PDB file of N, CA and C in Angstrom:
ATOM      1  N   MET A   1      62.398  10.119 111.844  1.00  0.00           N
ATOM      2  CA  MET A   1      63.489  10.582 112.661  1.00  0.00           C
ATOM      3  C   MET A   1      63.931  11.939 112.110  1.00  0.00           C
ATOM      4  N   THR A   2      64.134  12.904 113.004  1.00  0.00           N
ATOM      5  CA  THR A   2      64.583  14.216 112.536  1.00  0.00           C
ATOM      6  C   THR A   2      66.086  14.183 112.265  1.00  0.00           C
ATOM      7  N   HIS A   3      66.567  15.210 111.608  1.00  0.00           N
ATOM      8  CA  HIS A   3      67.985  15.328 111.298  1.00  0.00           C
ATOM      9  C   HIS A   3      68.804  15.311 112.588  1.00  0.00           C
ATOM     10  N   ASP A   4      68.394  16.087 113.586  1.00  0.00           N
ATOM     11  CA  ASP A   4      69.116  16.131 114.863  1.00  0.00           C
ATOM     12  C   ASP A   4      69.073  14.786 115.586  1.00  0.00           C
ATOM     13  N   GLU A   5      67.955  14.095 115.528  1.00  0.00           N
ATOM     14  CA  GLU A   5      67.853  12.773 116.162  1.00  0.00           C
ATOM     15  C   GLU A   5      68.797  11.777 115.497  1.00  0.00           C
ATOM     16  N   LEU A   6      68.931  11.857 114.182  1.00  0.00           N
ATOM     17  CA  LEU A   6      69.846  10.971 113.471  1.00  0.00           C
ATOM     18  C   LEU A   6      71.293  11.244 113.888  1.00  0.00           C
ATOM     19  N   LEU A   7      71.659  12.515 113.987  1.00  0.00           N
ATOM     20  CA  LEU A   7      73.003  12.854 114.441  1.00  0.00           C
ATOM     21  C   LEU A   7      73.238  12.372 115.872  1.00  0.00           C
ATOM     22  N   GLU A   8      72.241  12.523 116.737  1.00  0.00           N
ATOM     23  CA  GLU A   8      72.358  12.055 118.125  1.00  0.00           C
ATOM     24  C   GLU A   8      72.549  10.539 118.177  1.00  0.00           C
ATOM     25  N   LYS A   9      71.834   9.813 117.324  1.00  0.00           N
ATOM     26  CA  LYS A   9      71.964   8.356 117.306  1.00  0.00           C
ATOM     27  C   LYS A   9      73.376   7.942 116.889  1.00  0.00           C
ATOM     28  N   ILE A  10      73.921   8.607 115.880  1.00  0.00           N
ATOM     29  CA  ILE A  10      75.284   8.309 115.444  1.00  0.00           C
ATOM     30  C   ILE A  10      76.263   8.600 116.574  1.00  0.00           C
ATOM     31  N   ASP A  11      76.084   9.746 117.237  1.00  0.00           N
ATOM     32  CA  ASP A  11      76.959  10.086 118.364  1.00  0.00           C
ATOM     33  C   ASP A  11      76.822   9.068 119.490  1.00  0.00           C
ATOM     34  N   TRP A  12      75.605   8.625 119.778  1.00  0.00           N
ATOM     35  CA  TRP A  12      75.364   7.650 120.839  1.00  0.00           C
ATOM     36  C   TRP A  12      76.083   6.327 120.530  1.00  0.00           C
ATOM     37  N   ILE A  13      76.001   5.877 119.278  1.00  0.00           N
ATOM     38  CA  ILE A  13      76.693   4.647 118.881  1.00  0.00           C
ATOM     39  C   ILE A  13      78.200   4.814 119.087  1.00  0.00           C
ATOM     40  N   GLY A  14      78.732   5.947 118.694  1.00  0.00           N
ATOM     41  CA  GLY A  14      80.162   6.201 118.847  1.00  0.00           C
ATOM     42  C   GLY A  14      80.598   6.214 120.295  1.00  0.00           C
ATOM     43  N   HIS A  15      79.803   6.833 121.152  1.00  0.00           N
ATOM     44  CA  HIS A  15      80.168   6.892 122.570  1.00  0.00           C
ATOM     45  C   HIS A  15      80.039   5.534 123.231  1.00  0.00           C
ATOM     46  N   SER A  16      79.004   4.779 122.907  1.00  0.00           N
ATOM     47  CA  SER A  16      78.829   3.478 123.552  1.00  0.00           C
ATOM     48  C   SER A  16      79.889   2.489 123.083  1.00  0.00           C
ATOM     49  N   LYS A  17      80.263   2.536 121.817  1.00  0.00           N
ATOM     50  CA  LYS A  17      81.321   1.654 121.315  1.00  0.00           C
ATOM     51  C   LYS A  17      82.653   2.018 121.967  1.00  0.00           C
ATOM     52  N   ASN A  18      82.912   3.301 122.113  1.00  0.00           N
ATOM     53  CA  ASN A  18      84.159   3.764 122.701  1.00  0.00           C
ATOM     54  C   ASN A  18      84.240   3.399 124.183  1.00  0.00           C
ATOM     55  N   ALA A  19      83.110   3.410 124.868  1.00  0.00           N
ATOM     56  CA  ALA A  19      83.091   3.130 126.300  1.00  0.00           C
ATOM     57  C   ALA A  19      83.293   1.644 126.604  1.00  0.00           C
ATOM     58  N   GLU A  20      83.065   0.780 125.627  1.00  0.00           N
ATOM     59  CA  GLU A  20      83.176  -0.653 125.859  1.00  0.00           C
ATOM     60  C   GLU A  20      84.606  -1.086 126.150  1.00  0.00           C
ATOM     61  N   SER A  21      85.581  -0.398 125.598  1.00  0.00           N
ATOM     62  CA  SER A  21      86.966  -0.772 125.883  1.00  0.00           C
ATOM     63  C   SER A  21      87.781   0.492 126.092  1.00  0.00           C
ATOM     64  N   ARG A  22      88.705   0.407 127.001  1.00  0.00           N
ATOM     65  CA  ARG A  22      89.537   1.571 127.298  1.00  0.00           C
ATOM     66  C   ARG A  22      90.753   1.632 126.376  1.00  0.00           C
ATOM     67  N   THR A  23      91.068   0.542 125.736  1.00  0.00           N
ATOM     68  CA  THR A  23      92.214   0.532 124.828  1.00  0.00           C
ATOM     69  C   THR A  23      91.725   0.666 123.397  1.00  0.00           C
ATOM     70  N   ALA A  24      92.429   1.456 122.635  1.00  0.00           N
ATOM     71  CA  ALA A  24      92.049   1.681 121.237  1.00  0.00           C
ATOM     72  C   ALA A  24      92.654   0.587 120.371  1.00  0.00           C
ATOM     73  N   THR A  25      91.819  -0.307 119.906  1.00  0.00           N
ATOM     74  CA  THR A  25      92.282  -1.342 118.992  1.00  0.00           C
ATOM     75  C   THR A  25      92.130  -0.833 117.573  1.00  0.00           C
ATOM     76  N   VAL A  26      92.715  -1.550 116.653  1.00  0.00           N
ATOM     77  CA  VAL A  26      92.594  -1.172 115.243  1.00  0.00           C
ATOM     78  C   VAL A  26      91.127  -1.165 114.841  1.00  0.00           C
ATOM     79  N   LEU A  27      90.359  -2.154 115.311  1.00  0.00           N
ATOM     80  CA  LEU A  27      88.946  -2.225 114.967  1.00  0.00           C
ATOM     81  C   LEU A  27      88.169  -1.043 115.539  1.00  0.00           C
ATOM     82  N   SER A  28      88.403  -0.699 116.800  1.00  0.00           N
ATOM     83  CA  SER A  28      87.650   0.411 117.385  1.00  0.00           C
ATOM     84  C   SER A  28      88.006   1.733 116.717  1.00  0.00           C
ATOM     85  N   VAL A  29      89.251   1.898 116.322  1.00  0.00           N
ATOM     86  CA  VAL A  29      89.650   3.111 115.597  1.00  0.00           C
ATOM     87  C   VAL A  29      88.939   3.158 114.248  1.00  0.00           C
ATOM     88  N   ALA A  30      88.845   2.017 113.572  1.00  0.00           N
ATOM     89  CA  ALA A  30      88.157   1.955 112.280  1.00  0.00           C
ATOM     90  C   ALA A  30      86.661   2.245 112.445  1.00  0.00           C
ATOM     91  N   VAL A  31      86.059   1.705 113.513  1.00  0.00           N
ATOM     92  CA  VAL A  31      84.629   1.947 113.759  1.00  0.00           C
ATOM     93  C   VAL A  31      84.387   3.425 114.018  1.00  0.00           C
ATOM     94  N   LEU A  32      85.212   4.033 114.854  1.00  0.00           N
ATOM     95  CA  LEU A  32      85.042   5.460 115.147  1.00  0.00           C
ATOM     96  C   LEU A  32      85.274   6.316 113.907  1.00  0.00           C
ATOM     97  N   ALA A  33      86.238   5.945 113.085  1.00  0.00           N
ATOM     98  CA  ALA A  33      86.477   6.690 111.843  1.00  0.00           C
ATOM     99  C   ALA A  33      85.279   6.569 110.909  1.00  0.00           C
ATOM    100  N   SER A  34      84.692   5.373 110.847  1.00  0.00           N
ATOM    101  CA  SER A  34      83.504   5.167 110.006  1.00  0.00           C
ATOM    102  C   SER A  34      82.331   5.989 110.512  1.00  0.00           C
ATOM    103  N   LEU A  35      82.148   6.040 111.828  1.00  0.00           N
ATOM    104  CA  LEU A  35      81.061   6.840 112.396  1.00  0.00           C
ATOM    105  C   LEU A  35      81.276   8.327 112.134  1.00  0.00           C
ATOM    106  N   ASN A  36      82.525   8.774 112.210  1.00  0.00           N
ATOM    107  CA  ASN A  36      82.816  10.177 111.898  1.00  0.00           C
ATOM    108  C   ASN A  36      82.492  10.484 110.441  1.00  0.00           C
ATOM    109  N   ALA A  37      82.827   9.552 109.552  1.00  0.00           N
ATOM    110  CA  ALA A  37      82.515   9.741 108.133  1.00  0.00           C
ATOM    111  C   ALA A  37      81.004   9.756 107.906  1.00  0.00           C
ATOM    112  N   LEU A  38      80.293   8.841 108.575  1.00  0.00           N
ATOM    113  CA  LEU A  38      78.837   8.789 108.458  1.00  0.00           C
ATOM    114  C   LEU A  38      78.214  10.080 108.962  1.00  0.00           C
ATOM    115  N   ARG A  39      78.705  10.575 110.085  1.00  0.00           N
ATOM    116  CA  ARG A  39      78.182  11.826 110.650  1.00  0.00           C
ATOM    117  C   ARG A  39      78.404  12.987 109.676  1.00  0.00           C
ATOM    118  N   ALA A  40      79.563  13.017 109.025  1.00  0.00           N
ATOM    119  CA  ALA A  40      79.853  14.071 108.050  1.00  0.00           C
ATOM    120  C   ALA A  40      78.867  14.024 106.885  1.00  0.00           C
ATOM    121  N   VAL A  41      78.533  12.830 106.423  1.00  0.00           N
ATOM    122  CA  VAL A  41      77.553  12.681 105.336  1.00  0.00           C
ATOM    123  C   VAL A  41      76.186  13.209 105.782  1.00  0.00           C
ATOM    124  N   VAL A  42      75.773  12.851 106.992  1.00  0.00           N
ATOM    125  CA  VAL A  42      74.472  13.307 107.499  1.00  0.00           C
ATOM    126  C   VAL A  42      74.464  14.825 107.648  1.00  0.00           C
ATOM    127  N   GLU A  43      75.572  15.399 108.106  1.00  0.00           N
ATOM    128  CA  GLU A  43      75.641  16.859 108.231  1.00  0.00           C
ATOM    129  C   GLU A  43      75.524  17.549 106.874  1.00  0.00           C
ATOM    130  N   LEU A  44      76.103  16.955 105.835  1.00  0.00           N
ATOM    131  CA  LEU A  44      75.996  17.538 104.497  1.00  0.00           C
ATOM    132  C   LEU A  44      74.571  17.456 103.950  1.00  0.00           C
ATOM    133  N   HIS A  45      73.871  16.388 104.281  1.00  0.00           N
ATOM    134  CA  HIS A  45      72.505  16.183 103.793  1.00  0.00           C
ATOM    135  C   HIS A  45      71.497  16.731 104.802  1.00  0.00           C
ATOM    136  N   ARG A  46      71.670  17.981 105.172  1.00  0.00           N
ATOM    137  CA  ARG A  46      70.785  18.592 106.171  1.00  0.00           C
ATOM    138  C   ARG A  46      69.540  19.189 105.501  1.00  0.00           C
ATOM    139  N   PRO A  47      68.452  19.276 106.247  1.00  0.00           N
ATOM    140  CA  PRO A  47      67.236  19.862 105.682  1.00  0.00           C
ATOM    141  C   PRO A  47      67.299  21.391 105.682  1.00  0.00           C
ATOM    142  N   PHE A  48      66.591  21.985 104.742  1.00  0.00           N
ATOM    143  CA  PHE A  48      66.408  23.437 104.770  1.00  0.00           C
ATOM    144  C   PHE A  48      65.025  23.751 104.239  1.00  0.00           C
ATOM    145  N   ASN A  49      64.501  24.899 104.653  1.00  0.00           N
ATOM    146  CA  ASN A  49      63.162  25.325 104.232  1.00  0.00           C
ATOM    147  C   ASN A  49      63.229  25.915 102.832  1.00  0.00           C
ATOM    148  N   ILE A  50      62.362  25.429 101.967  1.00  0.00           N
ATOM    149  CA  ILE A  50      62.315  25.970 100.612  1.00  0.00           C
ATOM    150  C   ILE A  50      61.404  27.198 100.600  1.00  0.00           C
ATOM    151  N   PRO A  51      61.562  28.079  99.619  1.00  0.00           N
ATOM    152  CA  PRO A  51      60.690  29.241  99.522  1.00  0.00           C
ATOM    153  C   PRO A  51      59.223  28.824  99.359  1.00  0.00           C
ATOM    154  N   GLU A  52      58.334  29.612  99.916  1.00  0.00           N
ATOM    155  CA  GLU A  52      56.890  29.323  99.890  1.00  0.00           C
ATOM    156  C   GLU A  52      56.374  29.046  98.481  1.00  0.00           C
ATOM    157  N   LYS A  53      56.885  29.776  97.497  1.00  0.00           N
ATOM    158  CA  LYS A  53      56.350  29.629  96.135  1.00  0.00           C
ATOM    159  C   LYS A  53      56.605  28.242  95.540  1.00  0.00           C
ATOM    160  N   TYR A  54      57.550  27.467  96.121  1.00  0.00           N
ATOM    161  CA  TYR A  54      57.843  26.136  95.604  1.00  0.00           C
ATOM    162  C   TYR A  54      57.135  25.019  96.357  1.00  0.00           C
ATOM    163  N   LYS A  55      56.474  25.358  97.452  1.00  0.00           N
ATOM    164  CA  LYS A  55      55.731  24.343  98.198  1.00  0.00           C
ATOM    165  C   LYS A  55      54.473  24.004  97.414  1.00  0.00           C
ATOM    166  N   ASN A  56      54.169  22.736  97.318  1.00  0.00           N
ATOM    167  CA  ASN A  56      53.026  22.303  96.524  1.00  0.00           C
ATOM    168  C   ASN A  56      52.404  21.100  97.214  1.00  0.00           C
ATOM    169  N   GLU A  57      51.114  21.162  97.459  1.00  0.00           N
ATOM    170  CA  GLU A  57      50.414  20.067  98.137  1.00  0.00           C
ATOM    171  C   GLU A  57      50.421  18.772  97.327  1.00  0.00           C
ATOM    172  N   ASP A  58      50.636  18.862  96.026  1.00  0.00           N
ATOM    173  CA  ASP A  58      50.604  17.683  95.160  1.00  0.00           C
ATOM    174  C   ASP A  58      51.965  17.006  95.012  1.00  0.00           C
ATOM    175  N   THR A  59      52.980  17.519  95.678  1.00  0.00           N
ATOM    176  CA  THR A  59      54.314  16.948  95.532  1.00  0.00           C
ATOM    177  C   THR A  59      54.883  16.571  96.892  1.00  0.00           C
ATOM    178  N   LEU A  60      56.034  15.970  96.867  1.00  0.00           N
ATOM    179  CA  LEU A  60      56.717  15.614  98.111  1.00  0.00           C
ATOM    180  C   LEU A  60      57.271  16.845  98.829  1.00  0.00           C
ATOM    181  N   LEU A  61      57.229  17.994  98.190  1.00  0.00           N
ATOM    182  CA  LEU A  61      57.740  19.221  98.798  1.00  0.00           C
ATOM    183  C   LEU A  61      56.700  19.931  99.656  1.00  0.00           C
ATOM    184  N   LYS A  62      55.545  19.304  99.876  1.00  0.00           N
ATOM    185  CA  LYS A  62      54.469  19.980 100.607  1.00  0.00           C
ATOM    186  C   LYS A  62      54.868  20.335 102.034  1.00  0.00           C
ATOM    187  N   GLN A  63      55.818  19.597 102.645  1.00  0.00           N
ATOM    188  CA  GLN A  63      56.274  19.934 103.993  1.00  0.00           C
ATOM    189  C   GLN A  63      57.233  21.118 103.976  1.00  0.00           C
ATOM    190  N   GLY A  64      57.740  21.447 102.816  1.00  0.00           N
ATOM    191  CA  GLY A  64      58.604  22.604 102.690  1.00  0.00           C
ATOM    192  C   GLY A  64      60.053  22.368 103.051  1.00  0.00           C
ATOM    193  N   LEU A  65      60.453  21.105 103.182  1.00  0.00           N
ATOM    194  CA  LEU A  65      61.854  20.791 103.483  1.00  0.00           C
ATOM    195  C   LEU A  65      62.512  20.120 102.292  1.00  0.00           C
ATOM    196  N   ALA A  66      63.725  20.557 102.003  1.00  0.00           N
ATOM    197  CA  ALA A  66      64.509  19.950 100.932  1.00  0.00           C
ATOM    198  C   ALA A  66      65.889  19.614 101.484  1.00  0.00           C
ATOM    199  N   CYS A  67      66.580  18.717 100.816  1.00  0.00           N
ATOM    200  CA  CYS A  67      67.933  18.334 101.209  1.00  0.00           C
ATOM    201  C   CYS A  67      68.911  19.375 100.669  1.00  0.00           C
ATOM    202  N   TYR A  68      69.743  19.897 101.542  1.00  0.00           N
ATOM    203  CA  TYR A  68      70.698  20.935 101.156  1.00  0.00           C
ATOM    204  C   TYR A  68      71.660  20.448 100.077  1.00  0.00           C
ATOM    205  N   LEU A  69      72.233  19.266 100.250  1.00  0.00           N
ATOM    206  CA  LEU A  69      73.247  18.792  99.310  1.00  0.00           C
ATOM    207  C   LEU A  69      72.639  18.312  97.992  1.00  0.00           C
ATOM    208  N   CYS A  70      71.495  17.660  98.054  1.00  0.00           N
ATOM    209  CA  CYS A  70      70.885  17.081  96.851  1.00  0.00           C
ATOM    210  C   CYS A  70      70.163  18.114  95.989  1.00  0.00           C
ATOM    211  N   SER A  71      69.895  19.285  96.534  1.00  0.00           N
ATOM    212  CA  SER A  71      69.091  20.281  95.814  1.00  0.00           C
ATOM    213  C   SER A  71      69.952  21.294  95.082  1.00  0.00           C
ATOM    214  N   THR A  72      70.790  20.817  94.176  1.00  0.00           N
ATOM    215  CA  THR A  72      71.650  21.735  93.440  1.00  0.00           C
ATOM    216  C   THR A  72      70.956  22.305  92.204  1.00  0.00           C
ATOM    217  N   GLU A  73      70.240  21.465  91.487  1.00  0.00           N
ATOM    218  CA  GLU A  73      69.545  21.937  90.283  1.00  0.00           C
ATOM    219  C   GLU A  73      68.039  22.013  90.473  1.00  0.00           C
ATOM    220  N   MET A  74      67.526  21.219  91.385  1.00  0.00           N
ATOM    221  CA  MET A  74      66.100  21.252  91.715  1.00  0.00           C
ATOM    222  C   MET A  74      65.956  20.815  93.161  1.00  0.00           C
ATOM    223  N   TYR A  75      64.830  21.151  93.771  1.00  0.00           N
ATOM    224  CA  TYR A  75      64.619  20.789  95.166  1.00  0.00           C
ATOM    225  C   TYR A  75      64.281  19.315  95.309  1.00  0.00           C
ATOM    226  N   LEU A  76      65.065  18.604  96.107  1.00  0.00           N
ATOM    227  CA  LEU A  76      64.810  17.203  96.407  1.00  0.00           C
ATOM    228  C   LEU A  76      64.320  17.138  97.847  1.00  0.00           C
ATOM    229  N   PRO A  77      63.146  16.555  98.083  1.00  0.00           N
ATOM    230  CA  PRO A  77      62.569  16.541  99.426  1.00  0.00           C
ATOM    231  C   PRO A  77      63.473  15.888 100.466  1.00  0.00           C
ATOM    232  N   TYR A  78      63.370  16.410 101.673  1.00  0.00           N
ATOM    233  CA  TYR A  78      64.068  15.833 102.821  1.00  0.00           C
ATOM    234  C   TYR A  78      63.072  15.006 103.616  1.00  0.00           C
ATOM    235  N   PRO A  79      63.404  13.795 104.020  1.00  0.00           N
ATOM    236  CA  PRO A  79      64.702  13.151 103.885  1.00  0.00           C
ATOM    237  C   PRO A  79      64.933  12.611 102.474  1.00  0.00           C
ATOM    238  N   CYS A  80      66.145  12.820 102.005  1.00  0.00           N
ATOM    239  CA  CYS A  80      66.531  12.354 100.671  1.00  0.00           C
ATOM    240  C   CYS A  80      66.842  10.855 100.733  1.00  0.00           C
ATOM    241  N   PRO A  81      67.071  10.213  99.594  1.00  0.00           N
ATOM    242  CA  PRO A  81      67.385   8.776  99.593  1.00  0.00           C
ATOM    243  C   PRO A  81      68.591   8.415 100.471  1.00  0.00           C
ATOM    244  N   THR A  82      69.586   9.273 100.522  1.00  0.00           N
ATOM    245  CA  THR A  82      70.762   8.993 101.354  1.00  0.00           C
ATOM    246  C   THR A  82      70.381   8.921 102.828  1.00  0.00           C
ATOM    247  N   ILE A  83      69.635   9.910 103.309  1.00  0.00           N
ATOM    248  CA  ILE A  83      69.232   9.945 104.719  1.00  0.00           C
ATOM    249  C   ILE A  83      68.276   8.799 105.027  1.00  0.00           C
ATOM    250  N   ARG A  84      67.355   8.506 104.124  1.00  0.00           N
ATOM    251  CA  ARG A  84      66.422   7.388 104.359  1.00  0.00           C
ATOM    252  C   ARG A  84      67.180   6.063 104.483  1.00  0.00           C
ATOM    253  N   THR A  85      68.200   5.869 103.666  1.00  0.00           N
ATOM    254  CA  THR A  85      68.992   4.641 103.725  1.00  0.00           C
ATOM    255  C   THR A  85      69.761   4.547 105.048  1.00  0.00           C
ATOM    256  N   ILE A  86      70.353   5.627 105.476  1.00  0.00           N
ATOM    257  CA  ILE A  86      71.089   5.639 106.747  1.00  0.00           C
ATOM    258  C   ILE A  86      70.129   5.349 107.899  1.00  0.00           C
ATOM    259  N   GLU A  87      68.960   5.997 107.915  1.00  0.00           N
ATOM    260  CA  GLU A  87      67.974   5.756 108.964  1.00  0.00           C
ATOM    261  C   GLU A  87      67.556   4.286 109.001  1.00  0.00           C
ATOM    262  N   LYS A  88      67.332   3.709 107.829  1.00  0.00           N
ATOM    263  CA  LYS A  88      66.909   2.308 107.738  1.00  0.00           C
ATOM    264  C   LYS A  88      67.973   1.382 108.332  1.00  0.00           C
ATOM    265  N   GLU A  89      69.214   1.636 108.018  1.00  0.00           N
ATOM    266  CA  GLU A  89      70.300   0.764 108.477  1.00  0.00           C
ATOM    267  C   GLU A  89      70.596   0.926 109.963  1.00  0.00           C
ATOM    268  N   LEU A  90      70.237   2.064 110.537  1.00  0.00           N
ATOM    269  CA  LEU A  90      70.494   2.300 111.961  1.00  0.00           C
ATOM    270  C   LEU A  90      69.346   1.877 112.872  1.00  0.00           C
ATOM    271  N   LYS A  91      68.257   1.397 112.298  1.00  0.00           N
ATOM    272  CA  LYS A  91      67.117   0.964 113.127  1.00  0.00           C
ATOM    273  C   LYS A  91      67.410  -0.354 113.804  1.00  0.00           C
TER     274      LYS A  91
END
């Protein structure tokens, strides 16, 4: 699943849950707040292209994508463990 597809899925869940009832209950407000928080996490863990000199066919960086948030001291391939876990739970 691409980064944009994951964001679309989160948005789709939020819209379908919201459409089920016209009245905002405490539970629906909590669900929407949780989805907003989840979306914020996914936005922070966005992919970016690493410089060509760091791409290596022998590593997980061969696709040239790294996680923006996780790559503070070294490049961590995208999807990172956080994104993989979110994708797994949303299947």
